[in-house]
Amino acid sequence: MVDQRRSRQHLDEATQTDLPVRLGRNLATRRKALGLTQAGVAERLGVDTETLSRFERGKHVPSLLTLERLAAILSSTCAELLDEHAPEPASEALVMQTWLDALSAKDAAFAKRMLKAFCEHLAR
């Protein structure tokens, strides 16, 4: 019985130390897959770059509200960011949508018009 308790305690301690590292790895992987910088994500999140760096290194764990905001910025979910498996690679459409999400509605509409015009020009 004592051995079971010690094993369970060791497992709990390992899980507690693995979670921040896993979350950090998944945050960095997702951010990079979307072509975003730490500075850009930190700005959208309203924290300094060093704070985001600490999250990604597993040195600090964001609050649940901050994690929710991070997931939204990274076009992901909290569950995906906490998952033991690395997030799926981002599609090009998702990458572009993430870029547009950082803009005001007016600027996003302008960017879409410009992209469409650029693509039509290149298709000729």
C-alpha atoms as a PDB file:
ATOM      1  CA  MET A   1       0.000   0.000   0.000  1.00  0.00           C
ATOM      2  CA  VAL A   2       2.819   2.404   0.867  1.00  0.00           C
ATOM      3  CA  ASP A   3       4.604   1.454  -2.376  1.00  0.00           C
ATOM      4  CA  GLN A   4       1.450   2.217  -4.383  1.00  0.00           C
ATOM      5  CA  ARG A   5       1.146   5.616  -2.714  1.00  0.00           C
ATOM      6  CA  ARG A   6       4.795   6.412  -3.449  1.00  0.00           C
ATOM      7  CA  SER A   7       4.380   5.315  -7.085  1.00  0.00           C
ATOM      8  CA  ARG A   8       1.254   7.432  -7.454  1.00  0.00           C
ATOM      9  CA  GLN A   9       2.992  10.408  -5.823  1.00  0.00           C
ATOM     10  CA  HIS A  10       5.995  10.006  -8.136  1.00  0.00           C
ATOM     11  CA  LEU A  11       3.668   9.809 -11.156  1.00  0.00           C
ATOM     12  CA  ASP A  12       1.802  12.932  -9.988  1.00  0.00           C
ATOM     13  CA  GLU A  13       5.084  14.829  -9.523  1.00  0.00           C
ATOM     14  CA  ALA A  14       6.334  13.738 -12.956  1.00  0.00           C
ATOM     15  CA  THR A  15       3.062  14.804 -14.565  1.00  0.00           C
ATOM     16  CA  GLN A  16       3.209  18.184 -12.832  1.00  0.00           C
ATOM     17  CA  THR A  17       6.708  18.841 -14.125  1.00  0.00           C
ATOM     18  CA  ASP A  18       5.996  17.440 -17.616  1.00  0.00           C
ATOM     19  CA  LEU A  19       2.856  19.514 -18.173  1.00  0.00           C
ATOM     20  CA  PRO A  20       4.561  22.940 -18.354  1.00  0.00           C
ATOM     21  CA  VAL A  21       7.271  21.565 -20.654  1.00  0.00           C
ATOM     22  CA  ARG A  22       4.722  19.834 -22.902  1.00  0.00           C
ATOM     23  CA  LEU A  23       2.541  22.952 -23.021  1.00  0.00           C
ATOM     24  CA  GLY A  24       5.554  25.105 -23.805  1.00  0.00           C
ATOM     25  CA  ARG A  25       6.719  22.790 -26.573  1.00  0.00           C
ATOM     26  CA  ASN A  26       3.239  22.748 -28.103  1.00  0.00           C
ATOM     27  CA  LEU A  27       2.919  26.541 -27.878  1.00  0.00           C
ATOM     28  CA  ALA A  28       6.240  27.050 -29.649  1.00  0.00           C
ATOM     29  CA  THR A  29       5.491  24.399 -32.281  1.00  0.00           C
ATOM     30  CA  ARG A  30       2.097  25.897 -33.074  1.00  0.00           C
ATOM     31  CA  ARG A  31       3.408  29.476 -33.129  1.00  0.00           C
ATOM     32  CA  LYS A  32       6.218  28.548 -35.501  1.00  0.00           C
ATOM     33  CA  ALA A  33       3.876  26.525 -37.736  1.00  0.00           C
ATOM     34  CA  LEU A  34       1.771  29.649 -38.149  1.00  0.00           C
ATOM     35  CA  GLY A  35       4.834  31.736 -38.960  1.00  0.00           C
ATOM     36  CA  LEU A  36       4.327  33.961 -35.920  1.00  0.00           C
ATOM     37  CA  THR A  37       7.045  35.515 -33.792  1.00  0.00           C
ATOM     38  CA  GLN A  38       7.158  35.480 -30.010  1.00  0.00           C
ATOM     39  CA  ALA A  39       6.975  39.275 -30.100  1.00  0.00           C
ATOM     40  CA  GLY A  40       3.866  39.237 -32.286  1.00  0.00           C
ATOM     41  CA  VAL A  41       2.033  36.682 -30.154  1.00  0.00           C
ATOM     42  CA  ALA A  42       3.091  38.434 -26.941  1.00  0.00           C
ATOM     43  CA  GLU A  43       1.774  41.748 -28.245  1.00  0.00           C
ATOM     44  CA  ARG A  44      -1.596  40.243 -29.168  1.00  0.00           C
ATOM     45  CA  LEU A  45      -1.715  38.497 -25.789  1.00  0.00           C
ATOM     46  CA  GLY A  46      -0.854  41.700 -23.925  1.00  0.00           C
ATOM     47  CA  VAL A  47       2.294  40.361 -22.238  1.00  0.00           C
ATOM     48  CA  ASP A  48       5.963  41.018 -22.793  1.00  0.00           C
ATOM     49  CA  THR A  49       8.049  38.739 -24.990  1.00  0.00           C
ATOM     50  CA  GLU A  50       9.954  37.330 -22.010  1.00  0.00           C
ATOM     51  CA  THR A  51       6.691  36.106 -20.453  1.00  0.00           C
ATOM     52  CA  LEU A  52       5.775  34.236 -23.624  1.00  0.00           C
ATOM     53  CA  SER A  53       9.314  32.855 -23.763  1.00  0.00           C
ATOM     54  CA  ARG A  54       8.899  31.530 -20.197  1.00  0.00           C
ATOM     55  CA  PHE A  55       5.633  29.847 -21.220  1.00  0.00           C
ATOM     56  CA  GLU A  56       7.351  28.214 -24.205  1.00  0.00           C
ATOM     57  CA  ARG A  57      10.308  27.038 -22.128  1.00  0.00           C
ATOM     58  CA  GLY A  58       7.977  25.516 -19.519  1.00  0.00           C
ATOM     59  CA  LYS A  59       9.329  27.824 -16.810  1.00  0.00           C
ATOM     60  CA  HIS A  60       5.953  29.427 -16.141  1.00  0.00           C
ATOM     61  CA  VAL A  61       2.408  28.171 -16.695  1.00  0.00           C
ATOM     62  CA  PRO A  62      -0.192  30.644 -17.974  1.00  0.00           C
ATOM     63  CA  SER A  63      -3.477  31.091 -16.142  1.00  0.00           C
ATOM     64  CA  LEU A  64      -6.467  29.323 -17.675  1.00  0.00           C
ATOM     65  CA  LEU A  65      -7.788  32.602 -19.078  1.00  0.00           C
ATOM     66  CA  THR A  66      -4.408  33.366 -20.630  1.00  0.00           C
ATOM     67  CA  LEU A  67      -4.229  29.829 -22.014  1.00  0.00           C
ATOM     68  CA  GLU A  68      -7.654  30.316 -23.615  1.00  0.00           C
ATOM     69  CA  ARG A  69      -6.487  33.567 -25.202  1.00  0.00           C
ATOM     70  CA  LEU A  70      -3.272  31.895 -26.409  1.00  0.00           C
ATOM     71  CA  ALA A  71      -5.272  29.080 -27.967  1.00  0.00           C
ATOM     72  CA  ALA A  72      -7.458  31.594 -29.817  1.00  0.00           C
ATOM     73  CA  ILE A  73      -4.420  33.548 -31.057  1.00  0.00           C
ATOM     74  CA  LEU A  74      -2.845  30.293 -32.255  1.00  0.00           C
ATOM     75  CA  SER A  75      -6.102  29.085 -33.881  1.00  0.00           C
ATOM     76  CA  SER A  76      -6.066  26.097 -31.563  1.00  0.00           C
ATOM     77  CA  THR A  77      -7.785  24.800 -28.444  1.00  0.00           C
ATOM     78  CA  CYS A  78      -6.569  24.464 -24.874  1.00  0.00           C
ATOM     79  CA  ALA A  79      -6.867  20.684 -25.222  1.00  0.00           C
ATOM     80  CA  GLU A  80      -4.613  20.653 -28.298  1.00  0.00           C
ATOM     81  CA  LEU A  81      -2.023  22.800 -26.558  1.00  0.00           C
ATOM     82  CA  LEU A  82      -2.022  20.499 -23.523  1.00  0.00           C
ATOM     83  CA  ASP A  83      -2.020  17.286 -25.568  1.00  0.00           C
ATOM     84  CA  GLU A  84       0.910  14.891 -25.306  1.00  0.00           C
ATOM     85  CA  HIS A  85       1.205  14.822 -29.088  1.00  0.00           C
ATOM     86  CA  ALA A  86       2.510  17.805 -31.000  1.00  0.00           C
ATOM     87  CA  PRO A  87      -0.193  19.896 -32.690  1.00  0.00           C
ATOM     88  CA  GLU A  88      -1.002  19.094 -36.293  1.00  0.00           C
ATOM     89  CA  PRO A  89       0.839  21.182 -38.860  1.00  0.00           C
ATOM     90  CA  ALA A  90      -1.111  24.275 -39.797  1.00  0.00           C
ATOM     91  CA  SER A  91      -2.602  24.482 -43.265  1.00  0.00           C
ATOM     92  CA  GLU A  92      -1.721  27.479 -45.411  1.00  0.00           C
ATOM     93  CA  ALA A  93      -5.309  28.707 -45.139  1.00  0.00           C
ATOM     94  CA  LEU A  94      -5.121  28.548 -41.340  1.00  0.00           C
ATOM     95  CA  VAL A  95      -1.820  30.434 -41.375  1.00  0.00           C
ATOM     96  CA  MET A  96      -3.321  33.201 -43.505  1.00  0.00           C
ATOM     97  CA  GLN A  97      -6.461  33.321 -41.357  1.00  0.00           C
ATOM     98  CA  THR A  98      -4.287  33.731 -38.270  1.00  0.00           C
ATOM     99  CA  TRP A  99      -2.551  36.687 -39.913  1.00  0.00           C
ATOM    100  CA  LEU A 100      -5.909  38.240 -40.796  1.00  0.00           C
ATOM    101  CA  ASP A 101      -7.271  37.698 -37.284  1.00  0.00           C
ATOM    102  CA  ALA A 102      -4.566  40.022 -35.949  1.00  0.00           C
ATOM    103  CA  LEU A 103      -5.939  42.887 -38.074  1.00  0.00           C
ATOM    104  CA  SER A 104      -8.892  45.192 -37.668  1.00  0.00           C
ATOM    105  CA  ALA A 105     -11.925  44.284 -39.784  1.00  0.00           C
ATOM    106  CA  LYS A 106     -11.139  47.145 -42.193  1.00  0.00           C
ATOM    107  CA  ASP A 107      -7.494  46.135 -42.574  1.00  0.00           C
ATOM    108  CA  ALA A 108      -8.390  42.443 -42.988  1.00  0.00           C
ATOM    109  CA  ALA A 109     -10.844  43.309 -45.780  1.00  0.00           C
ATOM    110  CA  PHE A 110      -8.137  45.398 -47.475  1.00  0.00           C
ATOM    111  CA  ALA A 111      -5.599  42.560 -47.177  1.00  0.00           C
ATOM    112  CA  LYS A 112      -8.080  40.088 -48.694  1.00  0.00           C
ATOM    113  CA  ARG A 113      -8.773  42.419 -51.635  1.00  0.00           C
ATOM    114  CA  MET A 114      -5.043  42.887 -52.206  1.00  0.00           C
ATOM    115  CA  LEU A 115      -4.360  39.141 -52.051  1.00  0.00           C
ATOM    116  CA  LYS A 116      -7.178  38.447 -54.498  1.00  0.00           C
ATOM    117  CA  ALA A 117      -5.935  41.130 -56.912  1.00  0.00           C
ATOM    118  CA  PHE A 118      -2.365  39.842 -56.602  1.00  0.00           C
ATOM    119  CA  CYS A 119      -3.431  36.252 -57.312  1.00  0.00           C
ATOM    120  CA  GLU A 120      -5.542  37.316 -60.294  1.00  0.00           C
ATOM    121  CA  HIS A 121      -2.582  39.287 -61.661  1.00  0.00           C
ATOM    122  CA  LEU A 122      -0.229  36.321 -61.310  1.00  0.00           C
ATOM    123  CA  ALA A 123      -2.747  33.934 -62.895  1.00  0.00           C
ATOM    124  CA  ARG A 124      -2.708  35.965 -66.137  1.00  0.00           C
END
